[in-house]
Amino acid sequence: MQVAGRSVLKVPHRREVVDASALPGGYRRMLQIVQAAAGGPVMVKDVGAELGINVVVPGRLEPPLGKLSKLAVRGWLHRLPNGTFTIRA
């Protein structure tokens, strides 16, 4: 996305912003779902179910997986080797 002729990330790196209020609504909601499960890692299908996505339909979890992965790459979440996500401390 571009603002004033300059490229701007839709999902900013965690180190560049004060809090999650800088995230777009859908990303912020996913972050809240993972935070609510602070007892352990969260699977993509659990996030999808919480968002009201029919998780048994093949391919429906690809968009949430992409968004969760983007949150992990930008430092908001931690992606474990088994594909689950946790809050980054």
N, C-alpha and C. Protein backbone atom coordinates (compact mmCIF):
# COMPACT_ATOMS: atom_id res chain seq x y z
N MET A 1 0.85 -1.16 0.00
CA MET A 1 0.00 0.00 0.00
C MET A 1 0.90 1.23 0.00
N GLN A 2 0.45 2.30 -0.63
CA GLN A 2 1.22 3.53 -0.67
C GLN A 2 0.44 4.69 -0.05
N VAL A 3 1.15 5.50 0.71
CA VAL A 3 0.59 6.71 1.31
C VAL A 3 1.56 7.84 0.97
N ALA A 4 1.04 8.88 0.35
CA ALA A 4 1.85 10.04 -0.05
C ALA A 4 3.04 9.60 -0.89
N GLY A 5 2.81 8.65 -1.80
CA GLY A 5 3.85 8.19 -2.70
C GLY A 5 4.90 7.31 -2.07
N ARG A 6 4.68 6.90 -0.84
CA ARG A 6 5.64 6.09 -0.11
C ARG A 6 5.00 4.77 0.29
N SER A 7 5.73 3.66 0.18
CA SER A 7 5.20 2.35 0.55
C SER A 7 5.04 2.26 2.06
N VAL A 8 3.90 1.74 2.48
CA VAL A 8 3.60 1.56 3.90
C VAL A 8 3.10 0.13 4.09
N LEU A 9 3.60 -0.53 5.12
CA LEU A 9 3.14 -1.89 5.43
C LEU A 9 1.76 -1.84 6.05
N LYS A 10 0.87 -2.71 5.58
CA LYS A 10 -0.46 -2.82 6.16
C LYS A 10 -0.35 -3.36 7.59
N VAL A 11 0.58 -4.29 7.78
CA VAL A 11 0.85 -4.85 9.10
C VAL A 11 2.27 -4.43 9.48
N PRO A 12 2.40 -3.43 10.35
CA PRO A 12 3.73 -2.93 10.70
C PRO A 12 4.51 -3.91 11.56
N HIS A 13 5.83 -3.78 11.54
CA HIS A 13 6.67 -4.57 12.43
C HIS A 13 6.39 -4.15 13.86
N ARG A 14 6.40 -5.11 14.76
CA ARG A 14 6.07 -4.83 16.14
C ARG A 14 7.00 -3.78 16.75
N ARG A 15 8.26 -3.82 16.39
CA ARG A 15 9.23 -2.90 16.98
C ARG A 15 9.00 -1.45 16.53
N GLU A 16 8.19 -1.24 15.50
CA GLU A 16 7.98 0.10 14.96
C GLU A 16 6.75 0.81 15.51
N VAL A 17 5.90 0.10 16.25
CA VAL A 17 4.67 0.71 16.77
C VAL A 17 4.54 0.44 18.27
N VAL A 18 3.72 1.25 18.92
CA VAL A 18 3.57 1.16 20.37
C VAL A 18 2.73 -0.04 20.79
N ASP A 19 1.59 -0.24 20.11
CA ASP A 19 0.71 -1.35 20.50
C ASP A 19 -0.07 -1.88 19.30
N ALA A 20 -0.92 -2.85 19.56
CA ALA A 20 -1.66 -3.54 18.51
C ALA A 20 -2.73 -2.67 17.86
N SER A 21 -3.00 -1.50 18.39
CA SER A 21 -4.01 -0.64 17.78
C SER A 21 -3.60 -0.18 16.38
N ALA A 22 -2.33 -0.32 16.04
CA ALA A 22 -1.85 0.04 14.70
C ALA A 22 -2.19 -1.03 13.66
N LEU A 23 -2.63 -2.21 14.11
CA LEU A 23 -2.96 -3.30 13.20
C LEU A 23 -4.36 -3.11 12.62
N PRO A 24 -4.58 -3.56 11.38
CA PRO A 24 -5.94 -3.57 10.83
C PRO A 24 -6.84 -4.49 11.67
N GLY A 25 -8.13 -4.25 11.65
CA GLY A 25 -9.09 -4.96 12.49
C GLY A 25 -9.00 -6.47 12.48
N GLY A 26 -8.93 -7.08 11.30
CA GLY A 26 -8.87 -8.54 11.22
C GLY A 26 -7.62 -9.12 11.86
N TYR A 27 -6.50 -8.46 11.65
CA TYR A 27 -5.24 -8.90 12.25
C TYR A 27 -5.29 -8.73 13.78
N ARG A 28 -5.86 -7.61 14.22
CA ARG A 28 -5.99 -7.36 15.66
C ARG A 28 -6.86 -8.42 16.31
N ARG A 29 -7.94 -8.82 15.63
CA ARG A 29 -8.84 -9.86 16.17
C ARG A 29 -8.10 -11.19 16.29
N MET A 30 -7.31 -11.55 15.28
CA MET A 30 -6.54 -12.79 15.34
C MET A 30 -5.53 -12.77 16.49
N LEU A 31 -4.90 -11.63 16.68
CA LEU A 31 -3.96 -11.48 17.78
C LEU A 31 -4.66 -11.67 19.13
N GLN A 32 -5.87 -11.13 19.24
CA GLN A 32 -6.65 -11.29 20.47
C GLN A 32 -7.01 -12.74 20.71
N ILE A 33 -7.34 -13.48 19.66
CA ILE A 33 -7.69 -14.90 19.80
C ILE A 33 -6.49 -15.68 20.32
N VAL A 34 -5.32 -15.42 19.77
CA VAL A 34 -4.11 -16.12 20.24
C VAL A 34 -3.79 -15.71 21.67
N GLN A 35 -3.97 -14.44 22.01
CA GLN A 35 -3.72 -13.98 23.39
C GLN A 35 -4.67 -14.65 24.37
N ALA A 36 -5.92 -14.84 23.97
CA ALA A 36 -6.91 -15.46 24.85
C ALA A 36 -6.55 -16.90 25.19
N ALA A 37 -5.79 -17.53 24.33
CA ALA A 37 -5.36 -18.91 24.56
C ALA A 37 -3.95 -18.93 25.14
N ALA A 38 -3.69 -18.04 26.08
CA ALA A 38 -2.34 -17.88 26.63
C ALA A 38 -1.82 -19.14 27.30
N GLY A 39 -2.69 -20.12 27.53
CA GLY A 39 -2.26 -21.36 28.16
C GLY A 39 -1.40 -22.23 27.26
N GLY A 40 -1.37 -21.94 25.99
CA GLY A 40 -0.57 -22.75 25.09
C GLY A 40 -0.70 -22.32 23.65
N PRO A 41 -0.01 -23.03 22.77
CA PRO A 41 -0.05 -22.69 21.34
C PRO A 41 -1.44 -22.87 20.74
N VAL A 42 -1.72 -22.11 19.70
CA VAL A 42 -3.02 -22.14 19.04
C VAL A 42 -2.84 -22.63 17.60
N MET A 43 -3.73 -23.52 17.18
CA MET A 43 -3.71 -24.02 15.81
C MET A 43 -4.52 -23.08 14.92
N VAL A 44 -4.18 -23.06 13.64
CA VAL A 44 -4.88 -22.21 12.68
C VAL A 44 -6.37 -22.54 12.66
N LYS A 45 -6.71 -23.82 12.75
CA LYS A 45 -8.13 -24.20 12.70
C LYS A 45 -8.89 -23.65 13.91
N ASP A 46 -8.21 -23.51 15.06
CA ASP A 46 -8.87 -22.93 16.23
C ASP A 46 -9.16 -21.45 16.02
N VAL A 47 -8.22 -20.74 15.42
CA VAL A 47 -8.43 -19.33 15.11
C VAL A 47 -9.55 -19.20 14.09
N GLY A 48 -9.52 -20.05 13.05
CA GLY A 48 -10.57 -20.03 12.03
C GLY A 48 -11.95 -20.28 12.62
N ALA A 49 -12.04 -21.26 13.51
CA ALA A 49 -13.33 -21.57 14.14
C ALA A 49 -13.82 -20.38 14.96
N GLU A 50 -12.92 -19.73 15.68
CA GLU A 50 -13.28 -18.56 16.48
C GLU A 50 -13.75 -17.40 15.60
N LEU A 51 -13.23 -17.34 14.39
CA LEU A 51 -13.64 -16.29 13.45
C LEU A 51 -14.92 -16.65 12.69
N GLY A 52 -15.43 -17.85 12.91
CA GLY A 52 -16.65 -18.27 12.24
C GLY A 52 -16.45 -18.89 10.87
N ILE A 53 -15.23 -19.31 10.59
CA ILE A 53 -14.91 -19.94 9.30
C ILE A 53 -15.23 -21.42 9.39
N ASN A 54 -15.82 -21.96 8.32
CA ASN A 54 -16.09 -23.39 8.26
C ASN A 54 -14.77 -24.11 8.04
N VAL A 55 -14.17 -24.63 9.11
CA VAL A 55 -12.82 -25.17 9.06
C VAL A 55 -12.73 -26.54 8.41
N VAL A 56 -13.85 -27.19 8.12
CA VAL A 56 -13.80 -28.51 7.48
C VAL A 56 -13.76 -28.41 5.96
N VAL A 57 -14.01 -27.23 5.42
CA VAL A 57 -13.96 -27.03 3.97
C VAL A 57 -12.51 -26.79 3.57
N PRO A 58 -11.97 -27.62 2.66
CA PRO A 58 -10.58 -27.45 2.25
C PRO A 58 -10.31 -26.06 1.67
N GLY A 59 -9.19 -25.49 2.05
CA GLY A 59 -8.79 -24.19 1.52
C GLY A 59 -9.29 -23.00 2.31
N ARG A 60 -10.24 -23.19 3.19
CA ARG A 60 -10.79 -22.05 3.95
C ARG A 60 -9.81 -21.50 4.98
N LEU A 61 -8.82 -22.31 5.36
CA LEU A 61 -7.88 -21.86 6.37
C LEU A 61 -6.64 -21.19 5.78
N GLU A 62 -6.54 -21.16 4.45
CA GLU A 62 -5.37 -20.53 3.83
C GLU A 62 -5.28 -19.03 4.15
N PRO A 63 -6.37 -18.26 4.02
CA PRO A 63 -6.26 -16.83 4.37
C PRO A 63 -5.87 -16.57 5.83
N PRO A 64 -6.50 -17.26 6.81
CA PRO A 64 -6.06 -17.02 8.19
C PRO A 64 -4.61 -17.46 8.42
N LEU A 65 -4.19 -18.54 7.78
CA LEU A 65 -2.81 -18.99 7.92
C LEU A 65 -1.85 -17.92 7.40
N GLY A 66 -2.19 -17.33 6.26
CA GLY A 66 -1.35 -16.27 5.71
C GLY A 66 -1.26 -15.07 6.63
N LYS A 67 -2.38 -14.69 7.23
CA LYS A 67 -2.39 -13.54 8.13
C LYS A 67 -1.63 -13.84 9.42
N LEU A 68 -1.81 -15.04 9.97
CA LEU A 68 -1.07 -15.41 11.17
C LEU A 68 0.43 -15.47 10.88
N SER A 69 0.78 -15.99 9.72
CA SER A 69 2.19 -16.05 9.33
C SER A 69 2.78 -14.65 9.20
N LYS A 70 2.00 -13.74 8.62
CA LYS A 70 2.47 -12.36 8.48
C LYS A 70 2.68 -11.73 9.86
N LEU A 71 1.76 -11.99 10.79
CA LEU A 71 1.93 -11.49 12.16
C LEU A 71 3.19 -12.06 12.80
N ALA A 72 3.51 -13.31 12.49
CA ALA A 72 4.72 -13.93 13.03
C ALA A 72 5.97 -13.31 12.42
N VAL A 73 5.97 -13.12 11.12
CA VAL A 73 7.13 -12.53 10.44
C VAL A 73 7.39 -11.11 10.94
N ARG A 74 6.34 -10.37 11.25
CA ARG A 74 6.48 -8.98 11.68
C ARG A 74 6.69 -8.85 13.19
N GLY A 75 6.80 -10.00 13.90
CA GLY A 75 7.15 -9.97 15.32
C GLY A 75 6.01 -9.93 16.31
N TRP A 76 4.77 -10.02 15.85
CA TRP A 76 3.63 -9.99 16.76
C TRP A 76 3.36 -11.35 17.38
N LEU A 77 3.60 -12.41 16.63
CA LEU A 77 3.39 -13.78 17.09
C LEU A 77 4.67 -14.58 16.91
N HIS A 78 4.69 -15.74 17.52
CA HIS A 78 5.79 -16.69 17.32
C HIS A 78 5.20 -17.95 16.71
N ARG A 79 5.76 -18.39 15.58
CA ARG A 79 5.29 -19.61 14.94
C ARG A 79 6.20 -20.75 15.35
N LEU A 80 5.62 -21.76 15.94
CA LEU A 80 6.37 -22.93 16.38
C LEU A 80 6.59 -23.88 15.21
N PRO A 81 7.60 -24.76 15.30
CA PRO A 81 7.89 -25.69 14.20
C PRO A 81 6.70 -26.58 13.81
N ASN A 82 5.80 -26.85 14.75
CA ASN A 82 4.64 -27.71 14.42
C ASN A 82 3.50 -26.94 13.77
N GLY A 83 3.71 -25.64 13.49
CA GLY A 83 2.70 -24.85 12.78
C GLY A 83 1.72 -24.12 13.66
N THR A 84 1.88 -24.22 14.97
CA THR A 84 1.00 -23.49 15.87
C THR A 84 1.60 -22.12 16.19
N PHE A 85 0.78 -21.26 16.79
CA PHE A 85 1.20 -19.88 17.05
C PHE A 85 1.02 -19.55 18.53
N THR A 86 1.94 -18.74 19.04
CA THR A 86 1.86 -18.22 20.41
C THR A 86 2.17 -16.73 20.37
N ILE A 87 1.86 -16.06 21.46
CA ILE A 87 2.19 -14.64 21.60
C ILE A 87 3.69 -14.50 21.82
N ARG A 88 4.27 -13.54 21.16
CA ARG A 88 5.69 -13.26 21.37
C ARG A 88 5.83 -12.39 22.59
N ALA A 89 6.73 -12.77 23.46
CA ALA A 89 6.92 -12.03 24.72
C ALA A 89 7.60 -10.71 24.52
